[in-house]
PDB file of all heavy atoms in Angstrom:
ATOM      1  N   ALA A   1      88.231 119.874  59.598  1.00  0.00           N
ATOM      2  CA  ALA A   1      87.219 120.058  58.512  1.00  0.00           C
ATOM      3  C   ALA A   1      87.080 118.663  57.713  1.00  0.00           C
ATOM      4  O   ALA A   1      87.900 117.923  57.641  1.00  0.00           O
ATOM      5  CB  ALA A   1      87.714 121.065  57.472  1.00  0.00           C
ATOM      6  N   SER A   2      85.742 118.538  57.311  1.00  0.00           N
ATOM      7  CA  SER A   2      85.521 117.174  56.510  1.00  0.00           C
ATOM      8  C   SER A   2      84.249 117.479  55.709  1.00  0.00           C
ATOM      9  O   SER A   2      83.478 118.542  55.858  1.00  0.00           O
ATOM     10  CB  SER A   2      85.325 116.101  57.402  1.00  0.00           C
ATOM     11  OG  SER A   2      84.199 116.317  58.327  1.00  0.00           O
ATOM     12  N   GLY A   3      83.969 116.622  54.740  1.00  0.00           N
ATOM     13  CA  GLY A   3      82.668 116.484  54.110  1.00  0.00           C
ATOM     14  C   GLY A   3      82.673 117.086  52.724  1.00  0.00           C
ATOM     15  O   GLY A   3      81.590 117.075  52.031  1.00  0.00           O
ATOM     16  N   GLY A   4      83.818 117.565  52.177  1.00  0.00           N
ATOM     17  CA  GLY A   4      83.717 118.226  50.795  1.00  0.00           C
ATOM     18  C   GLY A   4      85.072 118.738  50.416  1.00  0.00           C
ATOM     19  O   GLY A   4      86.123 118.470  50.927  1.00  0.00           O
ATOM     20  N   THR A   5      84.948 119.508  49.311  1.00  0.00           N
ATOM     21  CA  THR A   5      86.239 120.130  48.711  1.00  0.00           C
ATOM     22  C   THR A   5      86.289 121.586  49.356  1.00  0.00           C
ATOM     23  O   THR A   5      85.462 122.381  49.111  1.00  0.00           O
ATOM     24  CB  THR A   5      86.037 120.230  47.212  1.00  0.00           C
ATOM     25  OG1 THR A   5      86.017 118.968  46.737  1.00  0.00           O
ATOM     26  CG2 THR A   5      87.292 120.989  46.705  1.00  0.00           C
ATOM     27  N   TYR A   6      87.338 121.790  50.083  1.00  0.00           N
ATOM     28  CA  TYR A   6      87.515 122.973  50.715  1.00  0.00           C
ATOM     29  C   TYR A   6      88.920 123.405  50.822  1.00  0.00           C
ATOM     30  O   TYR A   6      89.274 124.431  51.569  1.00  0.00           O
ATOM     31  CB  TYR A   6      86.877 122.978  52.145  1.00  0.00           C
ATOM     32  CG  TYR A   6      87.296 121.670  52.900  1.00  0.00           C
ATOM     33  CD1 TYR A   6      88.563 121.455  53.497  1.00  0.00           C
ATOM     34  CD2 TYR A   6      86.286 120.604  52.942  1.00  0.00           C
ATOM     35  CE1 TYR A   6      88.893 120.217  54.180  1.00  0.00           C
ATOM     36  CE2 TYR A   6      86.590 119.375  53.662  1.00  0.00           C
ATOM     37  CZ  TYR A   6      87.869 119.229  54.169  1.00  0.00           C
ATOM     38  OH  TYR A   6      88.128 118.029  54.696  1.00  0.00           O
ATOM     39  N   GLY A   7      89.838 122.915  50.199  1.00  0.00           N
ATOM     40  CA  GLY A   7      91.227 123.181  50.322  1.00  0.00           C
ATOM     41  C   GLY A   7      91.491 124.582  49.699  1.00  0.00           C
ATOM     42  O   GLY A   7      92.558 125.108  50.192  1.00  0.00           O
ATOM     43  N   ASN A   8      90.595 125.206  49.002  1.00  0.00           N
ATOM     44  CA  ASN A   8      90.747 126.487  48.381  1.00  0.00           C
ATOM     45  C   ASN A   8      89.887 127.520  49.041  1.00  0.00           C
ATOM     46  O   ASN A   8      89.709 128.621  48.565  1.00  0.00           O
ATOM     47  CB  ASN A   8      90.573 126.478  46.813  1.00  0.00           C
ATOM     48  CG  ASN A   8      89.074 126.143  46.465  1.00  0.00           C
ATOM     49  OD1 ASN A   8      88.442 125.458  47.248  1.00  0.00           O
ATOM     50  ND2 ASN A   8      88.653 126.495  45.299  1.00  0.00           N
ATOM     51  N   PHE A   9      89.245 127.133  50.214  1.00  0.00           N
ATOM     52  CA  PHE A   9      88.449 128.026  50.935  1.00  0.00           C
ATOM     53  C   PHE A   9      89.355 128.899  51.977  1.00  0.00           C
ATOM     54  O   PHE A   9      90.238 128.455  52.563  1.00  0.00           O
ATOM     55  CB  PHE A   9      87.453 127.189  51.814  1.00  0.00           C
ATOM     56  CG  PHE A   9      86.355 126.571  51.126  1.00  0.00           C
ATOM     57  CD1 PHE A   9      86.324 126.466  49.753  1.00  0.00           C
ATOM     58  CD2 PHE A   9      85.403 125.947  51.890  1.00  0.00           C
ATOM     59  CE1 PHE A   9      85.379 126.006  49.049  1.00  0.00           C
ATOM     60  CE2 PHE A   9      84.301 125.304  51.072  1.00  0.00           C
ATOM     61  CZ  PHE A   9      84.324 125.320  49.798  1.00  0.00           C
ATOM     62  N   ALA A  10      88.957 130.122  52.077  1.00  0.00           N
ATOM     63  CA  ALA A  10      89.393 130.928  53.173  1.00  0.00           C
ATOM     64  C   ALA A  10      88.871 130.461  54.376  1.00  0.00           C
ATOM     65  O   ALA A  10      87.773 129.939  54.538  1.00  0.00           O
ATOM     66  CB  ALA A  10      89.060 132.463  52.991  1.00  0.00           C
ATOM     67  N   MET A  11      89.615 130.482  55.497  1.00  0.00           N
ATOM     68  CA  MET A  11      89.068 130.057  56.875  1.00  0.00           C
ATOM     69  C   MET A  11      89.298 131.282  57.866  1.00  0.00           C
ATOM     70  O   MET A  11      90.107 132.172  57.721  1.00  0.00           O
ATOM     71  CB  MET A  11      89.874 128.903  57.378  1.00  0.00           C
ATOM     72  CG  MET A  11      89.848 127.699  56.383  1.00  0.00           C
ATOM     73  SD  MET A  11      88.115 126.989  56.529  1.00  0.00           S
ATOM     74  CE  MET A  11      88.122 126.354  58.157  1.00  0.00           C
ATOM     75  N   GLY A  12      88.553 131.196  58.884  1.00  0.00           N
ATOM     76  CA  GLY A  12      88.666 132.225  59.941  1.00  0.00           C
ATOM     77  C   GLY A  12      88.233 131.632  61.333  1.00  0.00           C
ATOM     78  O   GLY A  12      87.657 130.558  61.451  1.00  0.00           O
ATOM     79  N   TRP A  13      88.628 132.480  62.357  1.00  0.00           N
ATOM     80  CA  TRP A  13      88.239 132.119  63.763  1.00  0.00           C
ATOM     81  C   TRP A  13      87.458 133.242  64.241  1.00  0.00           C
ATOM     82  O   TRP A  13      87.922 134.411  63.980  1.00  0.00           O
ATOM     83  CB  TRP A  13      89.519 131.866  64.634  1.00  0.00           C
ATOM     84  CG  TRP A  13      90.080 130.535  64.439  1.00  0.00           C
ATOM     85  CD1 TRP A  13      91.185 130.120  63.718  1.00  0.00           C
ATOM     86  CD2 TRP A  13      89.755 129.287  65.108  1.00  0.00           C
ATOM     87  NE1 TRP A  13      91.485 128.764  63.881  1.00  0.00           N
ATOM     88  CE2 TRP A  13      90.561 128.304  64.754  1.00  0.00           C
ATOM     89  CE3 TRP A  13      88.726 129.096  66.157  1.00  0.00           C
ATOM     90  CZ2 TRP A  13      90.432 126.979  65.266  1.00  0.00           C
ATOM     91  CZ3 TRP A  13      88.564 127.786  66.621  1.00  0.00           C
ATOM     92  CH2 TRP A  13      89.341 126.772  66.083  1.00  0.00           C
ATOM     93  N   PHE A  14      86.459 132.917  64.973  1.00  0.00           N
ATOM     94  CA  PHE A  14      85.536 133.915  65.492  1.00  0.00           C
ATOM     95  C   PHE A  14      85.369 133.626  67.021  1.00  0.00           C
ATOM     96  O   PHE A  14      85.789 132.561  67.489  1.00  0.00           O
ATOM     97  CB  PHE A  14      84.189 133.773  64.802  1.00  0.00           C
ATOM     98  CG  PHE A  14      84.213 134.163  63.350  1.00  0.00           C
ATOM     99  CD1 PHE A  14      84.614 133.219  62.576  1.00  0.00           C
ATOM    100  CD2 PHE A  14      83.755 135.425  62.936  1.00  0.00           C
ATOM    101  CE1 PHE A  14      84.591 133.429  61.075  1.00  0.00           C
ATOM    102  CE2 PHE A  14      83.767 135.646  61.541  1.00  0.00           C
ATOM    103  CZ  PHE A  14      84.147 134.656  60.699  1.00  0.00           C
ATOM    104  N   ARG A  15      84.931 134.615  67.726  1.00  0.00           N
ATOM    105  CA  ARG A  15      84.599 134.317  69.147  1.00  0.00           C
ATOM    106  C   ARG A  15      83.431 135.279  69.540  1.00  0.00           C
ATOM    107  O   ARG A  15      83.228 136.370  68.958  1.00  0.00           O
ATOM    108  CB  ARG A  15      85.905 134.798  70.023  1.00  0.00           C
ATOM    109  CG  ARG A  15      86.195 136.241  70.137  1.00  0.00           C
ATOM    110  CD  ARG A  15      87.407 136.467  70.944  1.00  0.00           C
ATOM    111  NE  ARG A  15      87.809 137.854  71.078  1.00  0.00           N
ATOM    112  CZ  ARG A  15      88.892 138.275  71.620  1.00  0.00           C
ATOM    113  NH1 ARG A  15      89.710 137.456  72.217  1.00  0.00           N
ATOM    114  NH2 ARG A  15      89.124 139.527  71.702  1.00  0.00           N
ATOM    115  N   GLN A  16      82.741 134.795  70.477  1.00  0.00           N
ATOM    116  CA  GLN A  16      81.576 135.479  71.151  1.00  0.00           C
ATOM    117  C   GLN A  16      81.712 135.408  72.655  1.00  0.00           C
ATOM    118  O   GLN A  16      81.539 134.371  73.198  1.00  0.00           O
ATOM    119  CB  GLN A  16      80.261 134.962  70.734  1.00  0.00           C
ATOM    120  CG  GLN A  16      79.000 135.937  71.072  1.00  0.00           C
ATOM    121  CD  GLN A  16      77.832 135.545  70.398  1.00  0.00           C
ATOM    122  OE1 GLN A  16      77.562 134.501  69.825  1.00  0.00           O
ATOM    123  NE2 GLN A  16      76.828 136.523  70.351  1.00  0.00           N
ATOM    124  N   ALA A  17      81.928 136.637  73.234  1.00  0.00           N
ATOM    125  CA  ALA A  17      82.090 136.695  74.667  1.00  0.00           C
ATOM    126  C   ALA A  17      80.785 136.990  75.433  1.00  0.00           C
ATOM    127  O   ALA A  17      79.864 137.347  74.643  1.00  0.00           O
ATOM    128  CB  ALA A  17      83.087 137.906  75.199  1.00  0.00           C
ATOM    129  N   PRO A  18      80.700 136.611  76.624  1.00  0.00           N
ATOM    130  CA  PRO A  18      79.378 136.870  77.348  1.00  0.00           C
ATOM    131  C   PRO A  18      78.864 138.245  77.214  1.00  0.00           C
ATOM    132  O   PRO A  18      79.570 139.109  77.576  1.00  0.00           O
ATOM    133  CB  PRO A  18      79.617 136.419  78.756  1.00  0.00           C
ATOM    134  CG  PRO A  18      80.792 135.451  78.706  1.00  0.00           C
ATOM    135  CD  PRO A  18      81.590 136.045  77.516  1.00  0.00           C
ATOM    136  N   GLY A  19      77.687 138.439  76.733  1.00  0.00           N
ATOM    137  CA  GLY A  19      77.173 139.808  76.597  1.00  0.00           C
ATOM    138  C   GLY A  19      77.762 140.651  75.464  1.00  0.00           C
ATOM    139  O   GLY A  19      77.436 141.839  75.396  1.00  0.00           O
ATOM    140  N   LYS A  20      78.562 140.011  74.632  1.00  0.00           N
ATOM    141  CA  LYS A  20      79.077 140.660  73.550  1.00  0.00           C
ATOM    142  C   LYS A  20      78.695 140.170  72.129  1.00  0.00           C
ATOM    143  O   LYS A  20      78.252 138.962  72.153  1.00  0.00           O
ATOM    144  CB  LYS A  20      80.643 140.731  73.576  1.00  0.00           C
ATOM    145  CG  LYS A  20      81.157 141.176  74.845  1.00  0.00           C
ATOM    146  CD  LYS A  20      81.022 142.719  74.955  1.00  0.00           C
ATOM    147  CE  LYS A  20      81.692 143.149  76.214  1.00  0.00           C
ATOM    148  NZ  LYS A  20      81.558 144.783  76.298  1.00  0.00           N
ATOM    149  N   GLU A  21      78.771 140.894  71.133  1.00  0.00           N
ATOM    150  CA  GLU A  21      78.515 140.470  69.788  1.00  0.00           C
ATOM    151  C   GLU A  21      79.748 139.626  69.209  1.00  0.00           C
ATOM    152  O   GLU A  21      80.781 139.721  69.661  1.00  0.00           O
ATOM    153  CB  GLU A  21      78.189 141.651  68.809  1.00  0.00           C
ATOM    154  CG  GLU A  21      76.938 142.382  69.250  1.00  0.00           C
ATOM    155  CD  GLU A  21      76.628 143.415  68.150  1.00  0.00           C
ATOM    156  OE1 GLU A  21      77.439 143.669  67.286  1.00  0.00           O
ATOM    157  OE2 GLU A  21      75.521 143.993  68.134  1.00  0.00           O
ATOM    158  N   ARG A  22      79.361 138.762  68.296  1.00  0.00           N
ATOM    159  CA  ARG A  22      80.345 137.875  67.676  1.00  0.00           C
ATOM    160  C   ARG A  22      81.393 138.697  66.874  1.00  0.00           C
ATOM    161  O   ARG A  22      80.919 139.621  66.174  1.00  0.00           O
ATOM    162  CB  ARG A  22      79.761 136.864  66.816  1.00  0.00           C
ATOM    163  CG  ARG A  22      80.719 135.821  66.174  1.00  0.00           C
ATOM    164  CD  ARG A  22      79.913 134.774  65.388  1.00  0.00           C
ATOM    165  NE  ARG A  22      79.330 135.340  64.262  1.00  0.00           N
ATOM    166  CZ  ARG A  22      78.553 134.731  63.323  1.00  0.00           C
ATOM    167  NH1 ARG A  22      78.264 133.446  63.567  1.00  0.00           N
ATOM    168  NH2 ARG A  22      77.941 135.350  62.372  1.00  0.00           N
ATOM    169  N   GLU A  23      82.598 138.407  67.010  1.00  0.00           N
ATOM    170  CA  GLU A  23      83.689 139.159  66.259  1.00  0.00           C
ATOM    171  C   GLU A  23      84.558 138.177  65.525  1.00  0.00           C
ATOM    172  O   GLU A  23      84.871 137.110  66.194  1.00  0.00           O
ATOM    173  CB  GLU A  23      84.414 140.059  67.208  1.00  0.00           C
ATOM    174  CG  GLU A  23      85.094 139.341  68.378  1.00  0.00           C
ATOM    175  CD  GLU A  23      85.939 140.371  68.956  1.00  0.00           C
ATOM    176  OE1 GLU A  23      86.449 141.439  68.606  1.00  0.00           O
ATOM    177  OE2 GLU A  23      86.324 139.961  70.292  1.00  0.00           O
ATOM    178  N   ILE A  24      85.137 138.531  64.489  1.00  0.00           N
ATOM    179  CA  ILE A  24      86.209 137.882  63.861  1.00  0.00           C
ATOM    180  C   ILE A  24      87.507 138.237  64.411  1.00  0.00           C
ATOM    181  O   ILE A  24      87.748 139.428  64.584  1.00  0.00           O
ATOM    182  CB  ILE A  24      86.110 137.838  62.310  1.00  0.00           C
ATOM    183  CG1 ILE A  24      87.107 137.007  61.692  1.00  0.00           C
ATOM    184  CG2 ILE A  24      86.346 139.279  61.808  1.00  0.00           C
ATOM    185  CD1 ILE A  24      87.037 136.744  60.231  1.00  0.00           C
ATOM    186  N   VAL A  25      88.464 137.266  64.840  1.00  0.00           N
ATOM    187  CA  VAL A  25      89.683 137.640  65.264  1.00  0.00           C
ATOM    188  C   VAL A  25      90.805 137.272  64.417  1.00  0.00           C
ATOM    189  O   VAL A  25      91.916 137.897  64.372  1.00  0.00           O
ATOM    190  CB  VAL A  25      89.826 136.848  66.738  1.00  0.00           C
ATOM    191  CG1 VAL A  25      88.836 137.251  67.726  1.00  0.00           C
ATOM    192  CG2 VAL A  25      89.829 135.346  66.492  1.00  0.00           C
ATOM    193  N   ALA A  26      90.493 136.212  63.576  1.00  0.00           N
ATOM    194  CA  ALA A  26      91.774 136.002  62.573  1.00  0.00           C
ATOM    195  C   ALA A  26      91.235 135.388  61.301  1.00  0.00           C
ATOM    196  O   ALA A  26      90.092 134.693  61.343  1.00  0.00           O
ATOM    197  CB  ALA A  26      92.739 134.978  63.232  1.00  0.00           C
ATOM    198  N   ALA A  27      91.932 135.490  60.207  1.00  0.00           N
ATOM    199  CA  ALA A  27      91.511 134.907  58.921  1.00  0.00           C
ATOM    200  C   ALA A  27      92.805 134.300  58.222  1.00  0.00           C
ATOM    201  O   ALA A  27      93.790 134.951  58.476  1.00  0.00           O
ATOM    202  CB  ALA A  27      90.718 135.922  58.105  1.00  0.00           C
ATOM    203  N   ILE A  28      92.562 133.376  57.425  1.00  0.00           N
ATOM    204  CA  ILE A  28      93.783 132.900  56.664  1.00  0.00           C
ATOM    205  C   ILE A  28      93.251 132.534  55.161  1.00  0.00           C
ATOM    206  O   ILE A  28      92.181 132.074  55.041  1.00  0.00           O
ATOM    207  CB  ILE A  28      94.263 131.584  57.355  1.00  0.00           C
ATOM    208  CG1 ILE A  28      95.609 131.233  56.710  1.00  0.00           C
ATOM    209  CG2 ILE A  28      93.401 130.535  57.482  1.00  0.00           C
ATOM    210  CD1 ILE A  28      96.444 130.302  57.601  1.00  0.00           C
ATOM    211  N   ASP A  29      94.224 132.731  54.276  1.00  0.00           N
ATOM    212  CA  ASP A  29      93.828 132.454  52.852  1.00  0.00           C
ATOM    213  C   ASP A  29      94.015 130.925  52.548  1.00  0.00           C
ATOM    214  O   ASP A  29      94.425 130.171  53.508  1.00  0.00           O
ATOM    215  CB  ASP A  29      94.666 133.340  51.840  1.00  0.00           C
ATOM    216  CG  ASP A  29      96.099 132.819  51.653  1.00  0.00           C
ATOM    217  OD1 ASP A  29      96.694 132.137  52.579  1.00  0.00           O
ATOM    218  OD2 ASP A  29      96.517 132.948  50.528  1.00  0.00           O
ATOM    219  N   TRP A  30      93.614 130.595  51.287  1.00  0.00           N
ATOM    220  CA  TRP A  30      93.623 129.127  51.041  1.00  0.00           C
ATOM    221  C   TRP A  30      95.069 128.521  51.032  1.00  0.00           C
ATOM    222  O   TRP A  30      95.092 127.293  51.317  1.00  0.00           O
ATOM    223  CB  TRP A  30      92.984 128.867  49.762  1.00  0.00           C
ATOM    224  CG  TRP A  30      93.827 129.273  48.573  1.00  0.00           C
ATOM    225  CD1 TRP A  30      94.140 130.539  48.174  1.00  0.00           C
ATOM    226  CD2 TRP A  30      94.416 128.481  47.608  1.00  0.00           C
ATOM    227  NE1 TRP A  30      94.956 130.539  47.045  1.00  0.00           N
ATOM    228  CE2 TRP A  30      95.026 129.200  46.775  1.00  0.00           C
ATOM    229  CE3 TRP A  30      94.529 127.111  47.439  1.00  0.00           C
ATOM    230  CZ2 TRP A  30      95.843 128.658  45.633  1.00  0.00           C
ATOM    231  CZ3 TRP A  30      95.165 126.484  46.397  1.00  0.00           C
ATOM    232  CH2 TRP A  30      95.942 127.370  45.557  1.00  0.00           C
ATOM    233  N   THR A  31      95.973 129.264  50.903  1.00  0.00           N
ATOM    234  CA  THR A  31      97.363 128.738  50.893  1.00  0.00           C
ATOM    235  C   THR A  31      98.000 128.631  52.377  1.00  0.00           C
ATOM    236  O   THR A  31      98.956 127.974  52.489  1.00  0.00           O
ATOM    237  CB  THR A  31      98.330 129.393  50.017  1.00  0.00           C
ATOM    238  OG1 THR A  31      98.620 130.750  50.584  1.00  0.00           O
ATOM    239  CG2 THR A  31      97.742 129.675  48.547  1.00  0.00           C
ATOM    240  N   GLY A  32      97.481 129.511  53.224  1.00  0.00           N
ATOM    241  CA  GLY A  32      97.995 129.645  54.540  1.00  0.00           C
ATOM    242  C   GLY A  32      99.225 130.569  54.567  1.00  0.00           C
ATOM    243  O   GLY A  32      99.674 130.782  55.689  1.00  0.00           O
ATOM    244  N   ARG A  33      99.438 131.264  53.517  1.00  0.00           N
ATOM    245  CA  ARG A  33     100.529 132.255  53.543  1.00  0.00           C
ATOM    246  C   ARG A  33     100.081 133.596  53.831  1.00  0.00           C
ATOM    247  O   ARG A  33     100.976 134.445  54.278  1.00  0.00           O
ATOM    248  CB  ARG A  33     101.080 132.344  52.115  1.00  0.00           C
ATOM    249  CG  ARG A  33     101.781 130.910  51.719  1.00  0.00           C
ATOM    250  CD  ARG A  33     102.474 131.194  50.364  1.00  0.00           C
ATOM    251  NE  ARG A  33     103.030 129.891  49.856  1.00  0.00           N
ATOM    252  CZ  ARG A  33     102.475 129.231  48.938  1.00  0.00           C
ATOM    253  NH1 ARG A  33     101.434 129.508  48.407  1.00  0.00           N
ATOM    254  NH2 ARG A  33     103.111 128.088  48.611  1.00  0.00           N
ATOM    255  N   THR A  34      98.780 133.995  53.837  1.00  0.00           N
ATOM    256  CA  THR A  34      98.367 135.222  54.136  1.00  0.00           C
ATOM    257  C   THR A  34      97.447 135.192  55.272  1.00  0.00           C
ATOM    258  O   THR A  34      96.480 134.292  55.326  1.00  0.00           O
ATOM    259  CB  THR A  34      97.628 135.822  53.062  1.00  0.00           C
ATOM    260  OG1 THR A  34      98.495 136.130  51.948  1.00  0.00           O
ATOM    261  CG2 THR A  34      97.111 137.359  53.414  1.00  0.00           C
ATOM    262  N   THR A  35      97.636 135.930  56.463  1.00  0.00           N
ATOM    263  CA  THR A  35      96.868 135.989  57.597  1.00  0.00           C
ATOM    264  C   THR A  35      96.481 137.423  57.988  1.00  0.00           C
ATOM    265  O   THR A  35      97.193 138.314  57.632  1.00  0.00           O
ATOM    266  CB  THR A  35      97.491 135.333  58.862  1.00  0.00           C
ATOM    267  OG1 THR A  35      98.741 136.008  59.101  1.00  0.00           O
ATOM    268  CG2 THR A  35      97.856 133.867  58.540  1.00  0.00           C
ATOM    269  N   ILE A  36      95.238 137.525  58.629  1.00  0.00           N
ATOM    270  CA  ILE A  36      94.820 138.786  59.099  1.00  0.00           C
ATOM    271  C   ILE A  36      94.322 138.712  60.587  1.00  0.00           C
ATOM    272  O   ILE A  36      93.691 137.582  60.811  1.00  0.00           O
ATOM    273  CB  ILE A  36      93.705 139.392  58.228  1.00  0.00           C
ATOM    274  CG1 ILE A  36      94.054 139.324  56.667  1.00  0.00           C
ATOM    275  CG2 ILE A  36      93.286 140.902  58.629  1.00  0.00           C
ATOM    276  CD1 ILE A  36      92.780 139.706  55.790  1.00  0.00           C
ATOM    277  N   TYR A  37      94.519 139.586  61.255  1.00  0.00           N
ATOM    278  CA  TYR A  37      94.074 139.689  62.773  1.00  0.00           C
ATOM    279  C   TYR A  37      93.428 140.901  63.185  1.00  0.00           C
ATOM    280  O   TYR A  37      93.709 142.106  62.672  1.00  0.00           O
ATOM    281  CB  TYR A  37      95.339 139.478  63.639  1.00  0.00           C
ATOM    282  CG  TYR A  37      96.088 138.231  63.466  1.00  0.00           C
ATOM    283  CD1 TYR A  37      97.223 138.216  62.589  1.00  0.00           C
ATOM    284  CD2 TYR A  37      95.739 136.969  63.921  1.00  0.00           C
ATOM    285  CE1 TYR A  37      97.925 137.103  62.291  1.00  0.00           C
ATOM    286  CE2 TYR A  37      96.451 135.790  63.612  1.00  0.00           C
ATOM    287  CZ  TYR A  37      97.448 135.898  62.825  1.00  0.00           C
ATOM    288  OH  TYR A  37      98.181 134.646  62.594  1.00  0.00           O
ATOM    289  N   SER A  38      92.530 140.684  63.994  1.00  0.00           N
ATOM    290  CA  SER A  38      91.811 141.897  64.742  1.00  0.00           C
ATOM    291  C   SER A  38      92.881 142.612  65.674  1.00  0.00           C
ATOM    292  O   SER A  38      93.886 142.070  66.130  1.00  0.00           O
ATOM    293  CB  SER A  38      90.561 141.564  65.504  1.00  0.00           C
ATOM    294  OG  SER A  38      90.956 140.833  66.636  1.00  0.00           O
ATOM    295  N   ASP A  39      92.683 143.894  65.813  1.00  0.00           N
ATOM    296  CA  ASP A  39      93.605 144.732  66.655  1.00  0.00           C
ATOM    297  C   ASP A  39      93.733 144.113  68.041  1.00  0.00           C
ATOM    298  O   ASP A  39      94.820 144.254  68.696  1.00  0.00           O
ATOM    299  CB  ASP A  39      93.207 146.155  66.634  1.00  0.00           C
ATOM    300  CG  ASP A  39      93.518 146.860  65.349  1.00  0.00           C
ATOM    301  OD1 ASP A  39      94.252 146.374  64.475  1.00  0.00           O
ATOM    302  OD2 ASP A  39      92.936 147.943  65.014  1.00  0.00           O
ATOM    303  N   SER A  40      92.574 143.595  68.595  1.00  0.00           N
ATOM    304  CA  SER A  40      92.662 143.196  69.965  1.00  0.00           C
ATOM    305  C   SER A  40      93.364 141.902  70.221  1.00  0.00           C
ATOM    306  O   SER A  40      93.740 141.754  71.504  1.00  0.00           O
ATOM    307  CB  SER A  40      91.094 142.945  70.404  1.00  0.00           C
ATOM    308  OG  SER A  40      90.503 141.915  69.553  1.00  0.00           O
TER     309      SER A  40
END
């Protein structure tokens, strides 16, 4: 990451498989202490 102030931003990872809709697979809070994952 670059270009601005983002240390307090939540972040996430997404994926899009062939023929599938985009889905979020993981998220993390600004401190890095809290994470969430999709069931898959």
